[in-house]
Amino acid sequence: KGVIVGLIGENGAGKTTLIKSMLNI
């Protein structure tokens, strides 16, 4: 709690998949 976490990686690395998994999309 209380932090800003930066998510980095190239296109196709899995960042958006990770975010959509968190959101149950």
PDBML (XML) file of the C-alpha atoms, coordinates in Angstrom:
<?xml version="1.0" encoding="UTF-8" ?>
<PDBx:datablock datablockName="MODEL"
   xmlns:PDBx="http://pdbml.pdb.org/schema/pdbx-v50.xsd"
   xmlns:xsi="http://www.w3.org/2001/XMLSchema-instance"
   xsi:schemaLocation="http://pdbml.pdb.org/schema/pdbx-v50.xsd pdbx-v50.xsd">
   <PDBx:atom_siteCategory>
      <PDBx:atom_site id="1">
         <PDBx:B_iso_or_equiv>0.00</PDBx:B_iso_or_equiv>
         <PDBx:Cartn_x>0.000</PDBx:Cartn_x>
         <PDBx:Cartn_y>0.000</PDBx:Cartn_y>
         <PDBx:Cartn_z>0.000</PDBx:Cartn_z>
         <PDBx:auth_asym_id>A</PDBx:auth_asym_id>
         <PDBx:auth_atom_id>CA</PDBx:auth_atom_id>
         <PDBx:auth_comp_id>LYS</PDBx:auth_comp_id>
         <PDBx:auth_seq_id>1</PDBx:auth_seq_id>
         <PDBx:group_PDB>ATOM</PDBx:group_PDB>
         <PDBx:label_alt_id xsi:nil="true" />
         <PDBx:label_asym_id>A</PDBx:label_asym_id>
         <PDBx:label_atom_id>CA</PDBx:label_atom_id>
         <PDBx:label_comp_id>LYS</PDBx:label_comp_id>
         <PDBx:label_entity_id>1</PDBx:label_entity_id>
         <PDBx:label_seq_id>1</PDBx:label_seq_id>
         <PDBx:occupancy>1.00</PDBx:occupancy>
         <PDBx:pdbx_PDB_model_num>1</PDBx:pdbx_PDB_model_num>
         <PDBx:type_symbol>C</PDBx:type_symbol>
      </PDBx:atom_site>
      <PDBx:atom_site id="2">
         <PDBx:B_iso_or_equiv>0.00</PDBx:B_iso_or_equiv>
         <PDBx:Cartn_x>1.075</PDBx:Cartn_x>
         <PDBx:Cartn_y>3.587</PDBx:Cartn_y>
         <PDBx:Cartn_z>-0.610</PDBx:Cartn_z>
         <PDBx:auth_asym_id>A</PDBx:auth_asym_id>
         <PDBx:auth_atom_id>CA</PDBx:auth_atom_id>
         <PDBx:auth_comp_id>GLY</PDBx:auth_comp_id>
         <PDBx:auth_seq_id>2</PDBx:auth_seq_id>
         <PDBx:group_PDB>ATOM</PDBx:group_PDB>
         <PDBx:label_alt_id xsi:nil="true" />
         <PDBx:label_asym_id>A</PDBx:label_asym_id>
         <PDBx:label_atom_id>CA</PDBx:label_atom_id>
         <PDBx:label_comp_id>GLY</PDBx:label_comp_id>
         <PDBx:label_entity_id>1</PDBx:label_entity_id>
         <PDBx:label_seq_id>2</PDBx:label_seq_id>
         <PDBx:occupancy>1.00</PDBx:occupancy>
         <PDBx:pdbx_PDB_model_num>1</PDBx:pdbx_PDB_model_num>
         <PDBx:type_symbol>C</PDBx:type_symbol>
      </PDBx:atom_site>
      <PDBx:atom_site id="3">
         <PDBx:B_iso_or_equiv>0.00</PDBx:B_iso_or_equiv>
         <PDBx:Cartn_x>3.415</PDBx:Cartn_x>
         <PDBx:Cartn_y>3.135</PDBx:Cartn_y>
         <PDBx:Cartn_z>-3.582</PDBx:Cartn_z>
         <PDBx:auth_asym_id>A</PDBx:auth_asym_id>
         <PDBx:auth_atom_id>CA</PDBx:auth_atom_id>
         <PDBx:auth_comp_id>VAL</PDBx:auth_comp_id>
         <PDBx:auth_seq_id>3</PDBx:auth_seq_id>
         <PDBx:group_PDB>ATOM</PDBx:group_PDB>
         <PDBx:label_alt_id xsi:nil="true" />
         <PDBx:label_asym_id>A</PDBx:label_asym_id>
         <PDBx:label_atom_id>CA</PDBx:label_atom_id>
         <PDBx:label_comp_id>VAL</PDBx:label_comp_id>
         <PDBx:label_entity_id>1</PDBx:label_entity_id>
         <PDBx:label_seq_id>3</PDBx:label_seq_id>
         <PDBx:occupancy>1.00</PDBx:occupancy>
         <PDBx:pdbx_PDB_model_num>1</PDBx:pdbx_PDB_model_num>
         <PDBx:type_symbol>C</PDBx:type_symbol>
      </PDBx:atom_site>
      <PDBx:atom_site id="4">
         <PDBx:B_iso_or_equiv>0.00</PDBx:B_iso_or_equiv>
         <PDBx:Cartn_x>3.599</PDBx:Cartn_x>
         <PDBx:Cartn_y>3.741</PDBx:Cartn_y>
         <PDBx:Cartn_z>-7.307</PDBx:Cartn_z>
         <PDBx:auth_asym_id>A</PDBx:auth_asym_id>
         <PDBx:auth_atom_id>CA</PDBx:auth_atom_id>
         <PDBx:auth_comp_id>ILE</PDBx:auth_comp_id>
         <PDBx:auth_seq_id>4</PDBx:auth_seq_id>
         <PDBx:group_PDB>ATOM</PDBx:group_PDB>
         <PDBx:label_alt_id xsi:nil="true" />
         <PDBx:label_asym_id>A</PDBx:label_asym_id>
         <PDBx:label_atom_id>CA</PDBx:label_atom_id>
         <PDBx:label_comp_id>ILE</PDBx:label_comp_id>
         <PDBx:label_entity_id>1</PDBx:label_entity_id>
         <PDBx:label_seq_id>4</PDBx:label_seq_id>
         <PDBx:occupancy>1.00</PDBx:occupancy>
         <PDBx:pdbx_PDB_model_num>1</PDBx:pdbx_PDB_model_num>
         <PDBx:type_symbol>C</PDBx:type_symbol>
      </PDBx:atom_site>
      <PDBx:atom_site id="5">
         <PDBx:B_iso_or_equiv>0.00</PDBx:B_iso_or_equiv>
         <PDBx:Cartn_x>4.769</PDBx:Cartn_x>
         <PDBx:Cartn_y>0.647</PDBx:Cartn_y>
         <PDBx:Cartn_z>-9.149</PDBx:Cartn_z>
         <PDBx:auth_asym_id>A</PDBx:auth_asym_id>
         <PDBx:auth_atom_id>CA</PDBx:auth_atom_id>
         <PDBx:auth_comp_id>VAL</PDBx:auth_comp_id>
         <PDBx:auth_seq_id>5</PDBx:auth_seq_id>
         <PDBx:group_PDB>ATOM</PDBx:group_PDB>
         <PDBx:label_alt_id xsi:nil="true" />
         <PDBx:label_asym_id>A</PDBx:label_asym_id>
         <PDBx:label_atom_id>CA</PDBx:label_atom_id>
         <PDBx:label_comp_id>VAL</PDBx:label_comp_id>
         <PDBx:label_entity_id>1</PDBx:label_entity_id>
         <PDBx:label_seq_id>5</PDBx:label_seq_id>
         <PDBx:occupancy>1.00</PDBx:occupancy>
         <PDBx:pdbx_PDB_model_num>1</PDBx:pdbx_PDB_model_num>
         <PDBx:type_symbol>C</PDBx:type_symbol>
      </PDBx:atom_site>
      <PDBx:atom_site id="6">
         <PDBx:B_iso_or_equiv>0.00</PDBx:B_iso_or_equiv>
         <PDBx:Cartn_x>6.079</PDBx:Cartn_x>
         <PDBx:Cartn_y>1.040</PDBx:Cartn_y>
         <PDBx:Cartn_z>-12.689</PDBx:Cartn_z>
         <PDBx:auth_asym_id>A</PDBx:auth_asym_id>
         <PDBx:auth_atom_id>CA</PDBx:auth_atom_id>
         <PDBx:auth_comp_id>GLY</PDBx:auth_comp_id>
         <PDBx:auth_seq_id>6</PDBx:auth_seq_id>
         <PDBx:group_PDB>ATOM</PDBx:group_PDB>
         <PDBx:label_alt_id xsi:nil="true" />
         <PDBx:label_asym_id>A</PDBx:label_asym_id>
         <PDBx:label_atom_id>CA</PDBx:label_atom_id>
         <PDBx:label_comp_id>GLY</PDBx:label_comp_id>
         <PDBx:label_entity_id>1</PDBx:label_entity_id>
         <PDBx:label_seq_id>6</PDBx:label_seq_id>
         <PDBx:occupancy>1.00</PDBx:occupancy>
         <PDBx:pdbx_PDB_model_num>1</PDBx:pdbx_PDB_model_num>
         <PDBx:type_symbol>C</PDBx:type_symbol>
      </PDBx:atom_site>
      <PDBx:atom_site id="7">
         <PDBx:B_iso_or_equiv>0.00</PDBx:B_iso_or_equiv>
         <PDBx:Cartn_x>5.537</PDBx:Cartn_x>
         <PDBx:Cartn_y>-1.868</PDBx:Cartn_y>
         <PDBx:Cartn_z>-15.045</PDBx:Cartn_z>
         <PDBx:auth_asym_id>A</PDBx:auth_asym_id>
         <PDBx:auth_atom_id>CA</PDBx:auth_atom_id>
         <PDBx:auth_comp_id>LEU</PDBx:auth_comp_id>
         <PDBx:auth_seq_id>7</PDBx:auth_seq_id>
         <PDBx:group_PDB>ATOM</PDBx:group_PDB>
         <PDBx:label_alt_id xsi:nil="true" />
         <PDBx:label_asym_id>A</PDBx:label_asym_id>
         <PDBx:label_atom_id>CA</PDBx:label_atom_id>
         <PDBx:label_comp_id>LEU</PDBx:label_comp_id>
         <PDBx:label_entity_id>1</PDBx:label_entity_id>
         <PDBx:label_seq_id>7</PDBx:label_seq_id>
         <PDBx:occupancy>1.00</PDBx:occupancy>
         <PDBx:pdbx_PDB_model_num>1</PDBx:pdbx_PDB_model_num>
         <PDBx:type_symbol>C</PDBx:type_symbol>
      </PDBx:atom_site>
      <PDBx:atom_site id="8">
         <PDBx:B_iso_or_equiv>0.00</PDBx:B_iso_or_equiv>
         <PDBx:Cartn_x>8.069</PDBx:Cartn_x>
         <PDBx:Cartn_y>-1.981</PDBx:Cartn_y>
         <PDBx:Cartn_z>-17.889</PDBx:Cartn_z>
         <PDBx:auth_asym_id>A</PDBx:auth_asym_id>
         <PDBx:auth_atom_id>CA</PDBx:auth_atom_id>
         <PDBx:auth_comp_id>ILE</PDBx:auth_comp_id>
         <PDBx:auth_seq_id>8</PDBx:auth_seq_id>
         <PDBx:group_PDB>ATOM</PDBx:group_PDB>
         <PDBx:label_alt_id xsi:nil="true" />
         <PDBx:label_asym_id>A</PDBx:label_asym_id>
         <PDBx:label_atom_id>CA</PDBx:label_atom_id>
         <PDBx:label_comp_id>ILE</PDBx:label_comp_id>
         <PDBx:label_entity_id>1</PDBx:label_entity_id>
         <PDBx:label_seq_id>8</PDBx:label_seq_id>
         <PDBx:occupancy>1.00</PDBx:occupancy>
         <PDBx:pdbx_PDB_model_num>1</PDBx:pdbx_PDB_model_num>
         <PDBx:type_symbol>C</PDBx:type_symbol>
      </PDBx:atom_site>
      <PDBx:atom_site id="9">
         <PDBx:B_iso_or_equiv>0.00</PDBx:B_iso_or_equiv>
         <PDBx:Cartn_x>8.855</PDBx:Cartn_x>
         <PDBx:Cartn_y>-4.280</PDBx:Cartn_y>
         <PDBx:Cartn_z>-20.807</PDBx:Cartn_z>
         <PDBx:auth_asym_id>A</PDBx:auth_asym_id>
         <PDBx:auth_atom_id>CA</PDBx:auth_atom_id>
         <PDBx:auth_comp_id>GLY</PDBx:auth_comp_id>
         <PDBx:auth_seq_id>9</PDBx:auth_seq_id>
         <PDBx:group_PDB>ATOM</PDBx:group_PDB>
         <PDBx:label_alt_id xsi:nil="true" />
         <PDBx:label_asym_id>A</PDBx:label_asym_id>
         <PDBx:label_atom_id>CA</PDBx:label_atom_id>
         <PDBx:label_comp_id>GLY</PDBx:label_comp_id>
         <PDBx:label_entity_id>1</PDBx:label_entity_id>
         <PDBx:label_seq_id>9</PDBx:label_seq_id>
         <PDBx:occupancy>1.00</PDBx:occupancy>
         <PDBx:pdbx_PDB_model_num>1</PDBx:pdbx_PDB_model_num>
         <PDBx:type_symbol>C</PDBx:type_symbol>
      </PDBx:atom_site>
      <PDBx:atom_site id="10">
         <PDBx:B_iso_or_equiv>0.00</PDBx:B_iso_or_equiv>
         <PDBx:Cartn_x>8.717</PDBx:Cartn_x>
         <PDBx:Cartn_y>-4.247</PDBx:Cartn_y>
         <PDBx:Cartn_z>-24.587</PDBx:Cartn_z>
         <PDBx:auth_asym_id>A</PDBx:auth_asym_id>
         <PDBx:auth_atom_id>CA</PDBx:auth_atom_id>
         <PDBx:auth_comp_id>GLU</PDBx:auth_comp_id>
         <PDBx:auth_seq_id>10</PDBx:auth_seq_id>
         <PDBx:group_PDB>ATOM</PDBx:group_PDB>
         <PDBx:label_alt_id xsi:nil="true" />
         <PDBx:label_asym_id>A</PDBx:label_asym_id>
         <PDBx:label_atom_id>CA</PDBx:label_atom_id>
         <PDBx:label_comp_id>GLU</PDBx:label_comp_id>
         <PDBx:label_entity_id>1</PDBx:label_entity_id>
         <PDBx:label_seq_id>10</PDBx:label_seq_id>
         <PDBx:occupancy>1.00</PDBx:occupancy>
         <PDBx:pdbx_PDB_model_num>1</PDBx:pdbx_PDB_model_num>
         <PDBx:type_symbol>C</PDBx:type_symbol>
      </PDBx:atom_site>
      <PDBx:atom_site id="11">
         <PDBx:B_iso_or_equiv>0.00</PDBx:B_iso_or_equiv>
         <PDBx:Cartn_x>5.538</PDBx:Cartn_x>
         <PDBx:Cartn_y>-4.685</PDBx:Cartn_y>
         <PDBx:Cartn_z>-26.636</PDBx:Cartn_z>
         <PDBx:auth_asym_id>A</PDBx:auth_asym_id>
         <PDBx:auth_atom_id>CA</PDBx:auth_atom_id>
         <PDBx:auth_comp_id>ASN</PDBx:auth_comp_id>
         <PDBx:auth_seq_id>11</PDBx:auth_seq_id>
         <PDBx:group_PDB>ATOM</PDBx:group_PDB>
         <PDBx:label_alt_id xsi:nil="true" />
         <PDBx:label_asym_id>A</PDBx:label_asym_id>
         <PDBx:label_atom_id>CA</PDBx:label_atom_id>
         <PDBx:label_comp_id>ASN</PDBx:label_comp_id>
         <PDBx:label_entity_id>1</PDBx:label_entity_id>
         <PDBx:label_seq_id>11</PDBx:label_seq_id>
         <PDBx:occupancy>1.00</PDBx:occupancy>
         <PDBx:pdbx_PDB_model_num>1</PDBx:pdbx_PDB_model_num>
         <PDBx:type_symbol>C</PDBx:type_symbol>
      </PDBx:atom_site>
      <PDBx:atom_site id="12">
         <PDBx:B_iso_or_equiv>0.00</PDBx:B_iso_or_equiv>
         <PDBx:Cartn_x>4.263</PDBx:Cartn_x>
         <PDBx:Cartn_y>-8.237</PDBx:Cartn_y>
         <PDBx:Cartn_z>-26.315</PDBx:Cartn_z>
         <PDBx:auth_asym_id>A</PDBx:auth_asym_id>
         <PDBx:auth_atom_id>CA</PDBx:auth_atom_id>
         <PDBx:auth_comp_id>GLY</PDBx:auth_comp_id>
         <PDBx:auth_seq_id>12</PDBx:auth_seq_id>
         <PDBx:group_PDB>ATOM</PDBx:group_PDB>
         <PDBx:label_alt_id xsi:nil="true" />
         <PDBx:label_asym_id>A</PDBx:label_asym_id>
         <PDBx:label_atom_id>CA</PDBx:label_atom_id>
         <PDBx:label_comp_id>GLY</PDBx:label_comp_id>
         <PDBx:label_entity_id>1</PDBx:label_entity_id>
         <PDBx:label_seq_id>12</PDBx:label_seq_id>
         <PDBx:occupancy>1.00</PDBx:occupancy>
         <PDBx:pdbx_PDB_model_num>1</PDBx:pdbx_PDB_model_num>
         <PDBx:type_symbol>C</PDBx:type_symbol>
      </PDBx:atom_site>
      <PDBx:atom_site id="13">
         <PDBx:B_iso_or_equiv>0.00</PDBx:B_iso_or_equiv>
         <PDBx:Cartn_x>6.173</PDBx:Cartn_x>
         <PDBx:Cartn_y>-8.911</PDBx:Cartn_y>
         <PDBx:Cartn_z>-23.095</PDBx:Cartn_z>
         <PDBx:auth_asym_id>A</PDBx:auth_asym_id>
         <PDBx:auth_atom_id>CA</PDBx:auth_atom_id>
         <PDBx:auth_comp_id>ALA</PDBx:auth_comp_id>
         <PDBx:auth_seq_id>13</PDBx:auth_seq_id>
         <PDBx:group_PDB>ATOM</PDBx:group_PDB>
         <PDBx:label_alt_id xsi:nil="true" />
         <PDBx:label_asym_id>A</PDBx:label_asym_id>
         <PDBx:label_atom_id>CA</PDBx:label_atom_id>
         <PDBx:label_comp_id>ALA</PDBx:label_comp_id>
         <PDBx:label_entity_id>1</PDBx:label_entity_id>
         <PDBx:label_seq_id>13</PDBx:label_seq_id>
         <PDBx:occupancy>1.00</PDBx:occupancy>
         <PDBx:pdbx_PDB_model_num>1</PDBx:pdbx_PDB_model_num>
         <PDBx:type_symbol>C</PDBx:type_symbol>
      </PDBx:atom_site>
      <PDBx:atom_site id="14">
         <PDBx:B_iso_or_equiv>0.00</PDBx:B_iso_or_equiv>
         <PDBx:Cartn_x>2.997</PDBx:Cartn_x>
         <PDBx:Cartn_y>-9.593</PDBx:Cartn_y>
         <PDBx:Cartn_z>-21.116</PDBx:Cartn_z>
         <PDBx:auth_asym_id>A</PDBx:auth_asym_id>
         <PDBx:auth_atom_id>CA</PDBx:auth_atom_id>
         <PDBx:auth_comp_id>GLY</PDBx:auth_comp_id>
         <PDBx:auth_seq_id>14</PDBx:auth_seq_id>
         <PDBx:group_PDB>ATOM</PDBx:group_PDB>
         <PDBx:label_alt_id xsi:nil="true" />
         <PDBx:label_asym_id>A</PDBx:label_asym_id>
         <PDBx:label_atom_id>CA</PDBx:label_atom_id>
         <PDBx:label_comp_id>GLY</PDBx:label_comp_id>
         <PDBx:label_entity_id>1</PDBx:label_entity_id>
         <PDBx:label_seq_id>14</PDBx:label_seq_id>
         <PDBx:occupancy>1.00</PDBx:occupancy>
         <PDBx:pdbx_PDB_model_num>1</PDBx:pdbx_PDB_model_num>
         <PDBx:type_symbol>C</PDBx:type_symbol>
      </PDBx:atom_site>
      <PDBx:atom_site id="15">
         <PDBx:B_iso_or_equiv>0.00</PDBx:B_iso_or_equiv>
         <PDBx:Cartn_x>2.298</PDBx:Cartn_x>
         <PDBx:Cartn_y>-6.306</PDBx:Cartn_y>
         <PDBx:Cartn_z>-19.303</PDBx:Cartn_z>
         <PDBx:auth_asym_id>A</PDBx:auth_asym_id>
         <PDBx:auth_atom_id>CA</PDBx:auth_atom_id>
         <PDBx:auth_comp_id>LYS</PDBx:auth_comp_id>
         <PDBx:auth_seq_id>15</PDBx:auth_seq_id>
         <PDBx:group_PDB>ATOM</PDBx:group_PDB>
         <PDBx:label_alt_id xsi:nil="true" />
         <PDBx:label_asym_id>A</PDBx:label_asym_id>
         <PDBx:label_atom_id>CA</PDBx:label_atom_id>
         <PDBx:label_comp_id>LYS</PDBx:label_comp_id>
         <PDBx:label_entity_id>1</PDBx:label_entity_id>
         <PDBx:label_seq_id>15</PDBx:label_seq_id>
         <PDBx:occupancy>1.00</PDBx:occupancy>
         <PDBx:pdbx_PDB_model_num>1</PDBx:pdbx_PDB_model_num>
         <PDBx:type_symbol>C</PDBx:type_symbol>
      </PDBx:atom_site>
      <PDBx:atom_site id="16">
         <PDBx:B_iso_or_equiv>0.00</PDBx:B_iso_or_equiv>
         <PDBx:Cartn_x>-1.223</PDBx:Cartn_x>
         <PDBx:Cartn_y>-5.867</PDBx:Cartn_y>
         <PDBx:Cartn_z>-20.667</PDBx:Cartn_z>
         <PDBx:auth_asym_id>A</PDBx:auth_asym_id>
         <PDBx:auth_atom_id>CA</PDBx:auth_atom_id>
         <PDBx:auth_comp_id>THR</PDBx:auth_comp_id>
         <PDBx:auth_seq_id>16</PDBx:auth_seq_id>
         <PDBx:group_PDB>ATOM</PDBx:group_PDB>
         <PDBx:label_alt_id xsi:nil="true" />
         <PDBx:label_asym_id>A</PDBx:label_asym_id>
         <PDBx:label_atom_id>CA</PDBx:label_atom_id>
         <PDBx:label_comp_id>THR</PDBx:label_comp_id>
         <PDBx:label_entity_id>1</PDBx:label_entity_id>
         <PDBx:label_seq_id>16</PDBx:label_seq_id>
         <PDBx:occupancy>1.00</PDBx:occupancy>
         <PDBx:pdbx_PDB_model_num>1</PDBx:pdbx_PDB_model_num>
         <PDBx:type_symbol>C</PDBx:type_symbol>
      </PDBx:atom_site>
      <PDBx:atom_site id="17">
         <PDBx:B_iso_or_equiv>0.00</PDBx:B_iso_or_equiv>
         <PDBx:Cartn_x>-2.000</PDBx:Cartn_x>
         <PDBx:Cartn_y>-9.549</PDBx:Cartn_y>
         <PDBx:Cartn_z>-20.107</PDBx:Cartn_z>
         <PDBx:auth_asym_id>A</PDBx:auth_asym_id>
         <PDBx:auth_atom_id>CA</PDBx:auth_atom_id>
         <PDBx:auth_comp_id>THR</PDBx:auth_comp_id>
         <PDBx:auth_seq_id>17</PDBx:auth_seq_id>
         <PDBx:group_PDB>ATOM</PDBx:group_PDB>
         <PDBx:label_alt_id xsi:nil="true" />
         <PDBx:label_asym_id>A</PDBx:label_asym_id>
         <PDBx:label_atom_id>CA</PDBx:label_atom_id>
         <PDBx:label_comp_id>THR</PDBx:label_comp_id>
         <PDBx:label_entity_id>1</PDBx:label_entity_id>
         <PDBx:label_seq_id>17</PDBx:label_seq_id>
         <PDBx:occupancy>1.00</PDBx:occupancy>
         <PDBx:pdbx_PDB_model_num>1</PDBx:pdbx_PDB_model_num>
         <PDBx:type_symbol>C</PDBx:type_symbol>
      </PDBx:atom_site>
      <PDBx:atom_site id="18">
         <PDBx:B_iso_or_equiv>0.00</PDBx:B_iso_or_equiv>
         <PDBx:Cartn_x>-0.919</PDBx:Cartn_x>
         <PDBx:Cartn_y>-9.115</PDBx:Cartn_y>
         <PDBx:Cartn_z>-16.491</PDBx:Cartn_z>
         <PDBx:auth_asym_id>A</PDBx:auth_asym_id>
         <PDBx:auth_atom_id>CA</PDBx:auth_atom_id>
         <PDBx:auth_comp_id>LEU</PDBx:auth_comp_id>
         <PDBx:auth_seq_id>18</PDBx:auth_seq_id>
         <PDBx:group_PDB>ATOM</PDBx:group_PDB>
         <PDBx:label_alt_id xsi:nil="true" />
         <PDBx:label_asym_id>A</PDBx:label_asym_id>
         <PDBx:label_atom_id>CA</PDBx:label_atom_id>
         <PDBx:label_comp_id>LEU</PDBx:label_comp_id>
         <PDBx:label_entity_id>1</PDBx:label_entity_id>
         <PDBx:label_seq_id>18</PDBx:label_seq_id>
         <PDBx:occupancy>1.00</PDBx:occupancy>
         <PDBx:pdbx_PDB_model_num>1</PDBx:pdbx_PDB_model_num>
         <PDBx:type_symbol>C</PDBx:type_symbol>
      </PDBx:atom_site>
      <PDBx:atom_site id="19">
         <PDBx:B_iso_or_equiv>0.00</PDBx:B_iso_or_equiv>
         <PDBx:Cartn_x>-3.099</PDBx:Cartn_x>
         <PDBx:Cartn_y>-6.009</PDBx:Cartn_y>
         <PDBx:Cartn_z>-16.052</PDBx:Cartn_z>
         <PDBx:auth_asym_id>A</PDBx:auth_asym_id>
         <PDBx:auth_atom_id>CA</PDBx:auth_atom_id>
         <PDBx:auth_comp_id>ILE</PDBx:auth_comp_id>
         <PDBx:auth_seq_id>19</PDBx:auth_seq_id>
         <PDBx:group_PDB>ATOM</PDBx:group_PDB>
         <PDBx:label_alt_id xsi:nil="true" />
         <PDBx:label_asym_id>A</PDBx:label_asym_id>
         <PDBx:label_atom_id>CA</PDBx:label_atom_id>
         <PDBx:label_comp_id>ILE</PDBx:label_comp_id>
         <PDBx:label_entity_id>1</PDBx:label_entity_id>
         <PDBx:label_seq_id>19</PDBx:label_seq_id>
         <PDBx:occupancy>1.00</PDBx:occupancy>
         <PDBx:pdbx_PDB_model_num>1</PDBx:pdbx_PDB_model_num>
         <PDBx:type_symbol>C</PDBx:type_symbol>
      </PDBx:atom_site>
      <PDBx:atom_site id="20">
         <PDBx:B_iso_or_equiv>0.00</PDBx:B_iso_or_equiv>
         <PDBx:Cartn_x>-6.137</PDBx:Cartn_x>
         <PDBx:Cartn_y>-7.656</PDBx:Cartn_y>
         <PDBx:Cartn_z>-17.661</PDBx:Cartn_z>
         <PDBx:auth_asym_id>A</PDBx:auth_asym_id>
         <PDBx:auth_atom_id>CA</PDBx:auth_atom_id>
         <PDBx:auth_comp_id>LYS</PDBx:auth_comp_id>
         <PDBx:auth_seq_id>20</PDBx:auth_seq_id>
         <PDBx:group_PDB>ATOM</PDBx:group_PDB>
         <PDBx:label_alt_id xsi:nil="true" />
         <PDBx:label_asym_id>A</PDBx:label_asym_id>
         <PDBx:label_atom_id>CA</PDBx:label_atom_id>
         <PDBx:label_comp_id>LYS</PDBx:label_comp_id>
         <PDBx:label_entity_id>1</PDBx:label_entity_id>
         <PDBx:label_seq_id>20</PDBx:label_seq_id>
         <PDBx:occupancy>1.00</PDBx:occupancy>
         <PDBx:pdbx_PDB_model_num>1</PDBx:pdbx_PDB_model_num>
         <PDBx:type_symbol>C</PDBx:type_symbol>
      </PDBx:atom_site>
      <PDBx:atom_site id="21">
         <PDBx:B_iso_or_equiv>0.00</PDBx:B_iso_or_equiv>
         <PDBx:Cartn_x>-5.611</PDBx:Cartn_x>
         <PDBx:Cartn_y>-10.688</PDBx:Cartn_y>
         <PDBx:Cartn_z>-15.425</PDBx:Cartn_z>
         <PDBx:auth_asym_id>A</PDBx:auth_asym_id>
         <PDBx:auth_atom_id>CA</PDBx:auth_atom_id>
         <PDBx:auth_comp_id>SER</PDBx:auth_comp_id>
         <PDBx:auth_seq_id>21</PDBx:auth_seq_id>
         <PDBx:group_PDB>ATOM</PDBx:group_PDB>
         <PDBx:label_alt_id xsi:nil="true" />
         <PDBx:label_asym_id>A</PDBx:label_asym_id>
         <PDBx:label_atom_id>CA</PDBx:label_atom_id>
         <PDBx:label_comp_id>SER</PDBx:label_comp_id>
         <PDBx:label_entity_id>1</PDBx:label_entity_id>
         <PDBx:label_seq_id>21</PDBx:label_seq_id>
         <PDBx:occupancy>1.00</PDBx:occupancy>
         <PDBx:pdbx_PDB_model_num>1</PDBx:pdbx_PDB_model_num>
         <PDBx:type_symbol>C</PDBx:type_symbol>
      </PDBx:atom_site>
      <PDBx:atom_site id="22">
         <PDBx:B_iso_or_equiv>0.00</PDBx:B_iso_or_equiv>
         <PDBx:Cartn_x>-5.657</PDBx:Cartn_x>
         <PDBx:Cartn_y>-8.434</PDBx:Cartn_y>
         <PDBx:Cartn_z>-12.356</PDBx:Cartn_z>
         <PDBx:auth_asym_id>A</PDBx:auth_asym_id>
         <PDBx:auth_atom_id>CA</PDBx:auth_atom_id>
         <PDBx:auth_comp_id>MET</PDBx:auth_comp_id>
         <PDBx:auth_seq_id>22</PDBx:auth_seq_id>
         <PDBx:group_PDB>ATOM</PDBx:group_PDB>
         <PDBx:label_alt_id xsi:nil="true" />
         <PDBx:label_asym_id>A</PDBx:label_asym_id>
         <PDBx:label_atom_id>CA</PDBx:label_atom_id>
         <PDBx:label_comp_id>MET</PDBx:label_comp_id>
         <PDBx:label_entity_id>1</PDBx:label_entity_id>
         <PDBx:label_seq_id>22</PDBx:label_seq_id>
         <PDBx:occupancy>1.00</PDBx:occupancy>
         <PDBx:pdbx_PDB_model_num>1</PDBx:pdbx_PDB_model_num>
         <PDBx:type_symbol>C</PDBx:type_symbol>
      </PDBx:atom_site>
      <PDBx:atom_site id="23">
         <PDBx:B_iso_or_equiv>0.00</PDBx:B_iso_or_equiv>
         <PDBx:Cartn_x>-8.926</PDBx:Cartn_x>
         <PDBx:Cartn_y>-6.900</PDBx:Cartn_y>
         <PDBx:Cartn_z>-13.565</PDBx:Cartn_z>
         <PDBx:auth_asym_id>A</PDBx:auth_asym_id>
         <PDBx:auth_atom_id>CA</PDBx:auth_atom_id>
         <PDBx:auth_comp_id>LEU</PDBx:auth_comp_id>
         <PDBx:auth_seq_id>23</PDBx:auth_seq_id>
         <PDBx:group_PDB>ATOM</PDBx:group_PDB>
         <PDBx:label_alt_id xsi:nil="true" />
         <PDBx:label_asym_id>A</PDBx:label_asym_id>
         <PDBx:label_atom_id>CA</PDBx:label_atom_id>
         <PDBx:label_comp_id>LEU</PDBx:label_comp_id>
         <PDBx:label_entity_id>1</PDBx:label_entity_id>
         <PDBx:label_seq_id>23</PDBx:label_seq_id>
         <PDBx:occupancy>1.00</PDBx:occupancy>
         <PDBx:pdbx_PDB_model_num>1</PDBx:pdbx_PDB_model_num>
         <PDBx:type_symbol>C</PDBx:type_symbol>
      </PDBx:atom_site>
      <PDBx:atom_site id="24">
         <PDBx:B_iso_or_equiv>0.00</PDBx:B_iso_or_equiv>
         <PDBx:Cartn_x>-10.463</PDBx:Cartn_x>
         <PDBx:Cartn_y>-10.294</PDBx:Cartn_y>
         <PDBx:Cartn_z>-14.407</PDBx:Cartn_z>
         <PDBx:auth_asym_id>A</PDBx:auth_asym_id>
         <PDBx:auth_atom_id>CA</PDBx:auth_atom_id>
         <PDBx:auth_comp_id>ASN</PDBx:auth_comp_id>
         <PDBx:auth_seq_id>24</PDBx:auth_seq_id>
         <PDBx:group_PDB>ATOM</PDBx:group_PDB>
         <PDBx:label_alt_id xsi:nil="true" />
         <PDBx:label_asym_id>A</PDBx:label_asym_id>
         <PDBx:label_atom_id>CA</PDBx:label_atom_id>
         <PDBx:label_comp_id>ASN</PDBx:label_comp_id>
         <PDBx:label_entity_id>1</PDBx:label_entity_id>
         <PDBx:label_seq_id>24</PDBx:label_seq_id>
         <PDBx:occupancy>1.00</PDBx:occupancy>
         <PDBx:pdbx_PDB_model_num>1</PDBx:pdbx_PDB_model_num>
         <PDBx:type_symbol>C</PDBx:type_symbol>
      </PDBx:atom_site>
      <PDBx:atom_site id="25">
         <PDBx:B_iso_or_equiv>0.00</PDBx:B_iso_or_equiv>
         <PDBx:Cartn_x>-10.936</PDBx:Cartn_x>
         <PDBx:Cartn_y>-9.137</PDBx:Cartn_y>
         <PDBx:Cartn_z>-18.014</PDBx:Cartn_z>
         <PDBx:auth_asym_id>A</PDBx:auth_asym_id>
         <PDBx:auth_atom_id>CA</PDBx:auth_atom_id>
         <PDBx:auth_comp_id>ILE</PDBx:auth_comp_id>
         <PDBx:auth_seq_id>25</PDBx:auth_seq_id>
         <PDBx:group_PDB>ATOM</PDBx:group_PDB>
         <PDBx:label_alt_id xsi:nil="true" />
         <PDBx:label_asym_id>A</PDBx:label_asym_id>
         <PDBx:label_atom_id>CA</PDBx:label_atom_id>
         <PDBx:label_comp_id>ILE</PDBx:label_comp_id>
         <PDBx:label_entity_id>1</PDBx:label_entity_id>
         <PDBx:label_seq_id>25</PDBx:label_seq_id>
         <PDBx:occupancy>1.00</PDBx:occupancy>
         <PDBx:pdbx_PDB_model_num>1</PDBx:pdbx_PDB_model_num>
         <PDBx:type_symbol>C</PDBx:type_symbol>
      </PDBx:atom_site>
   </PDBx:atom_siteCategory>
</PDBx:datablock>
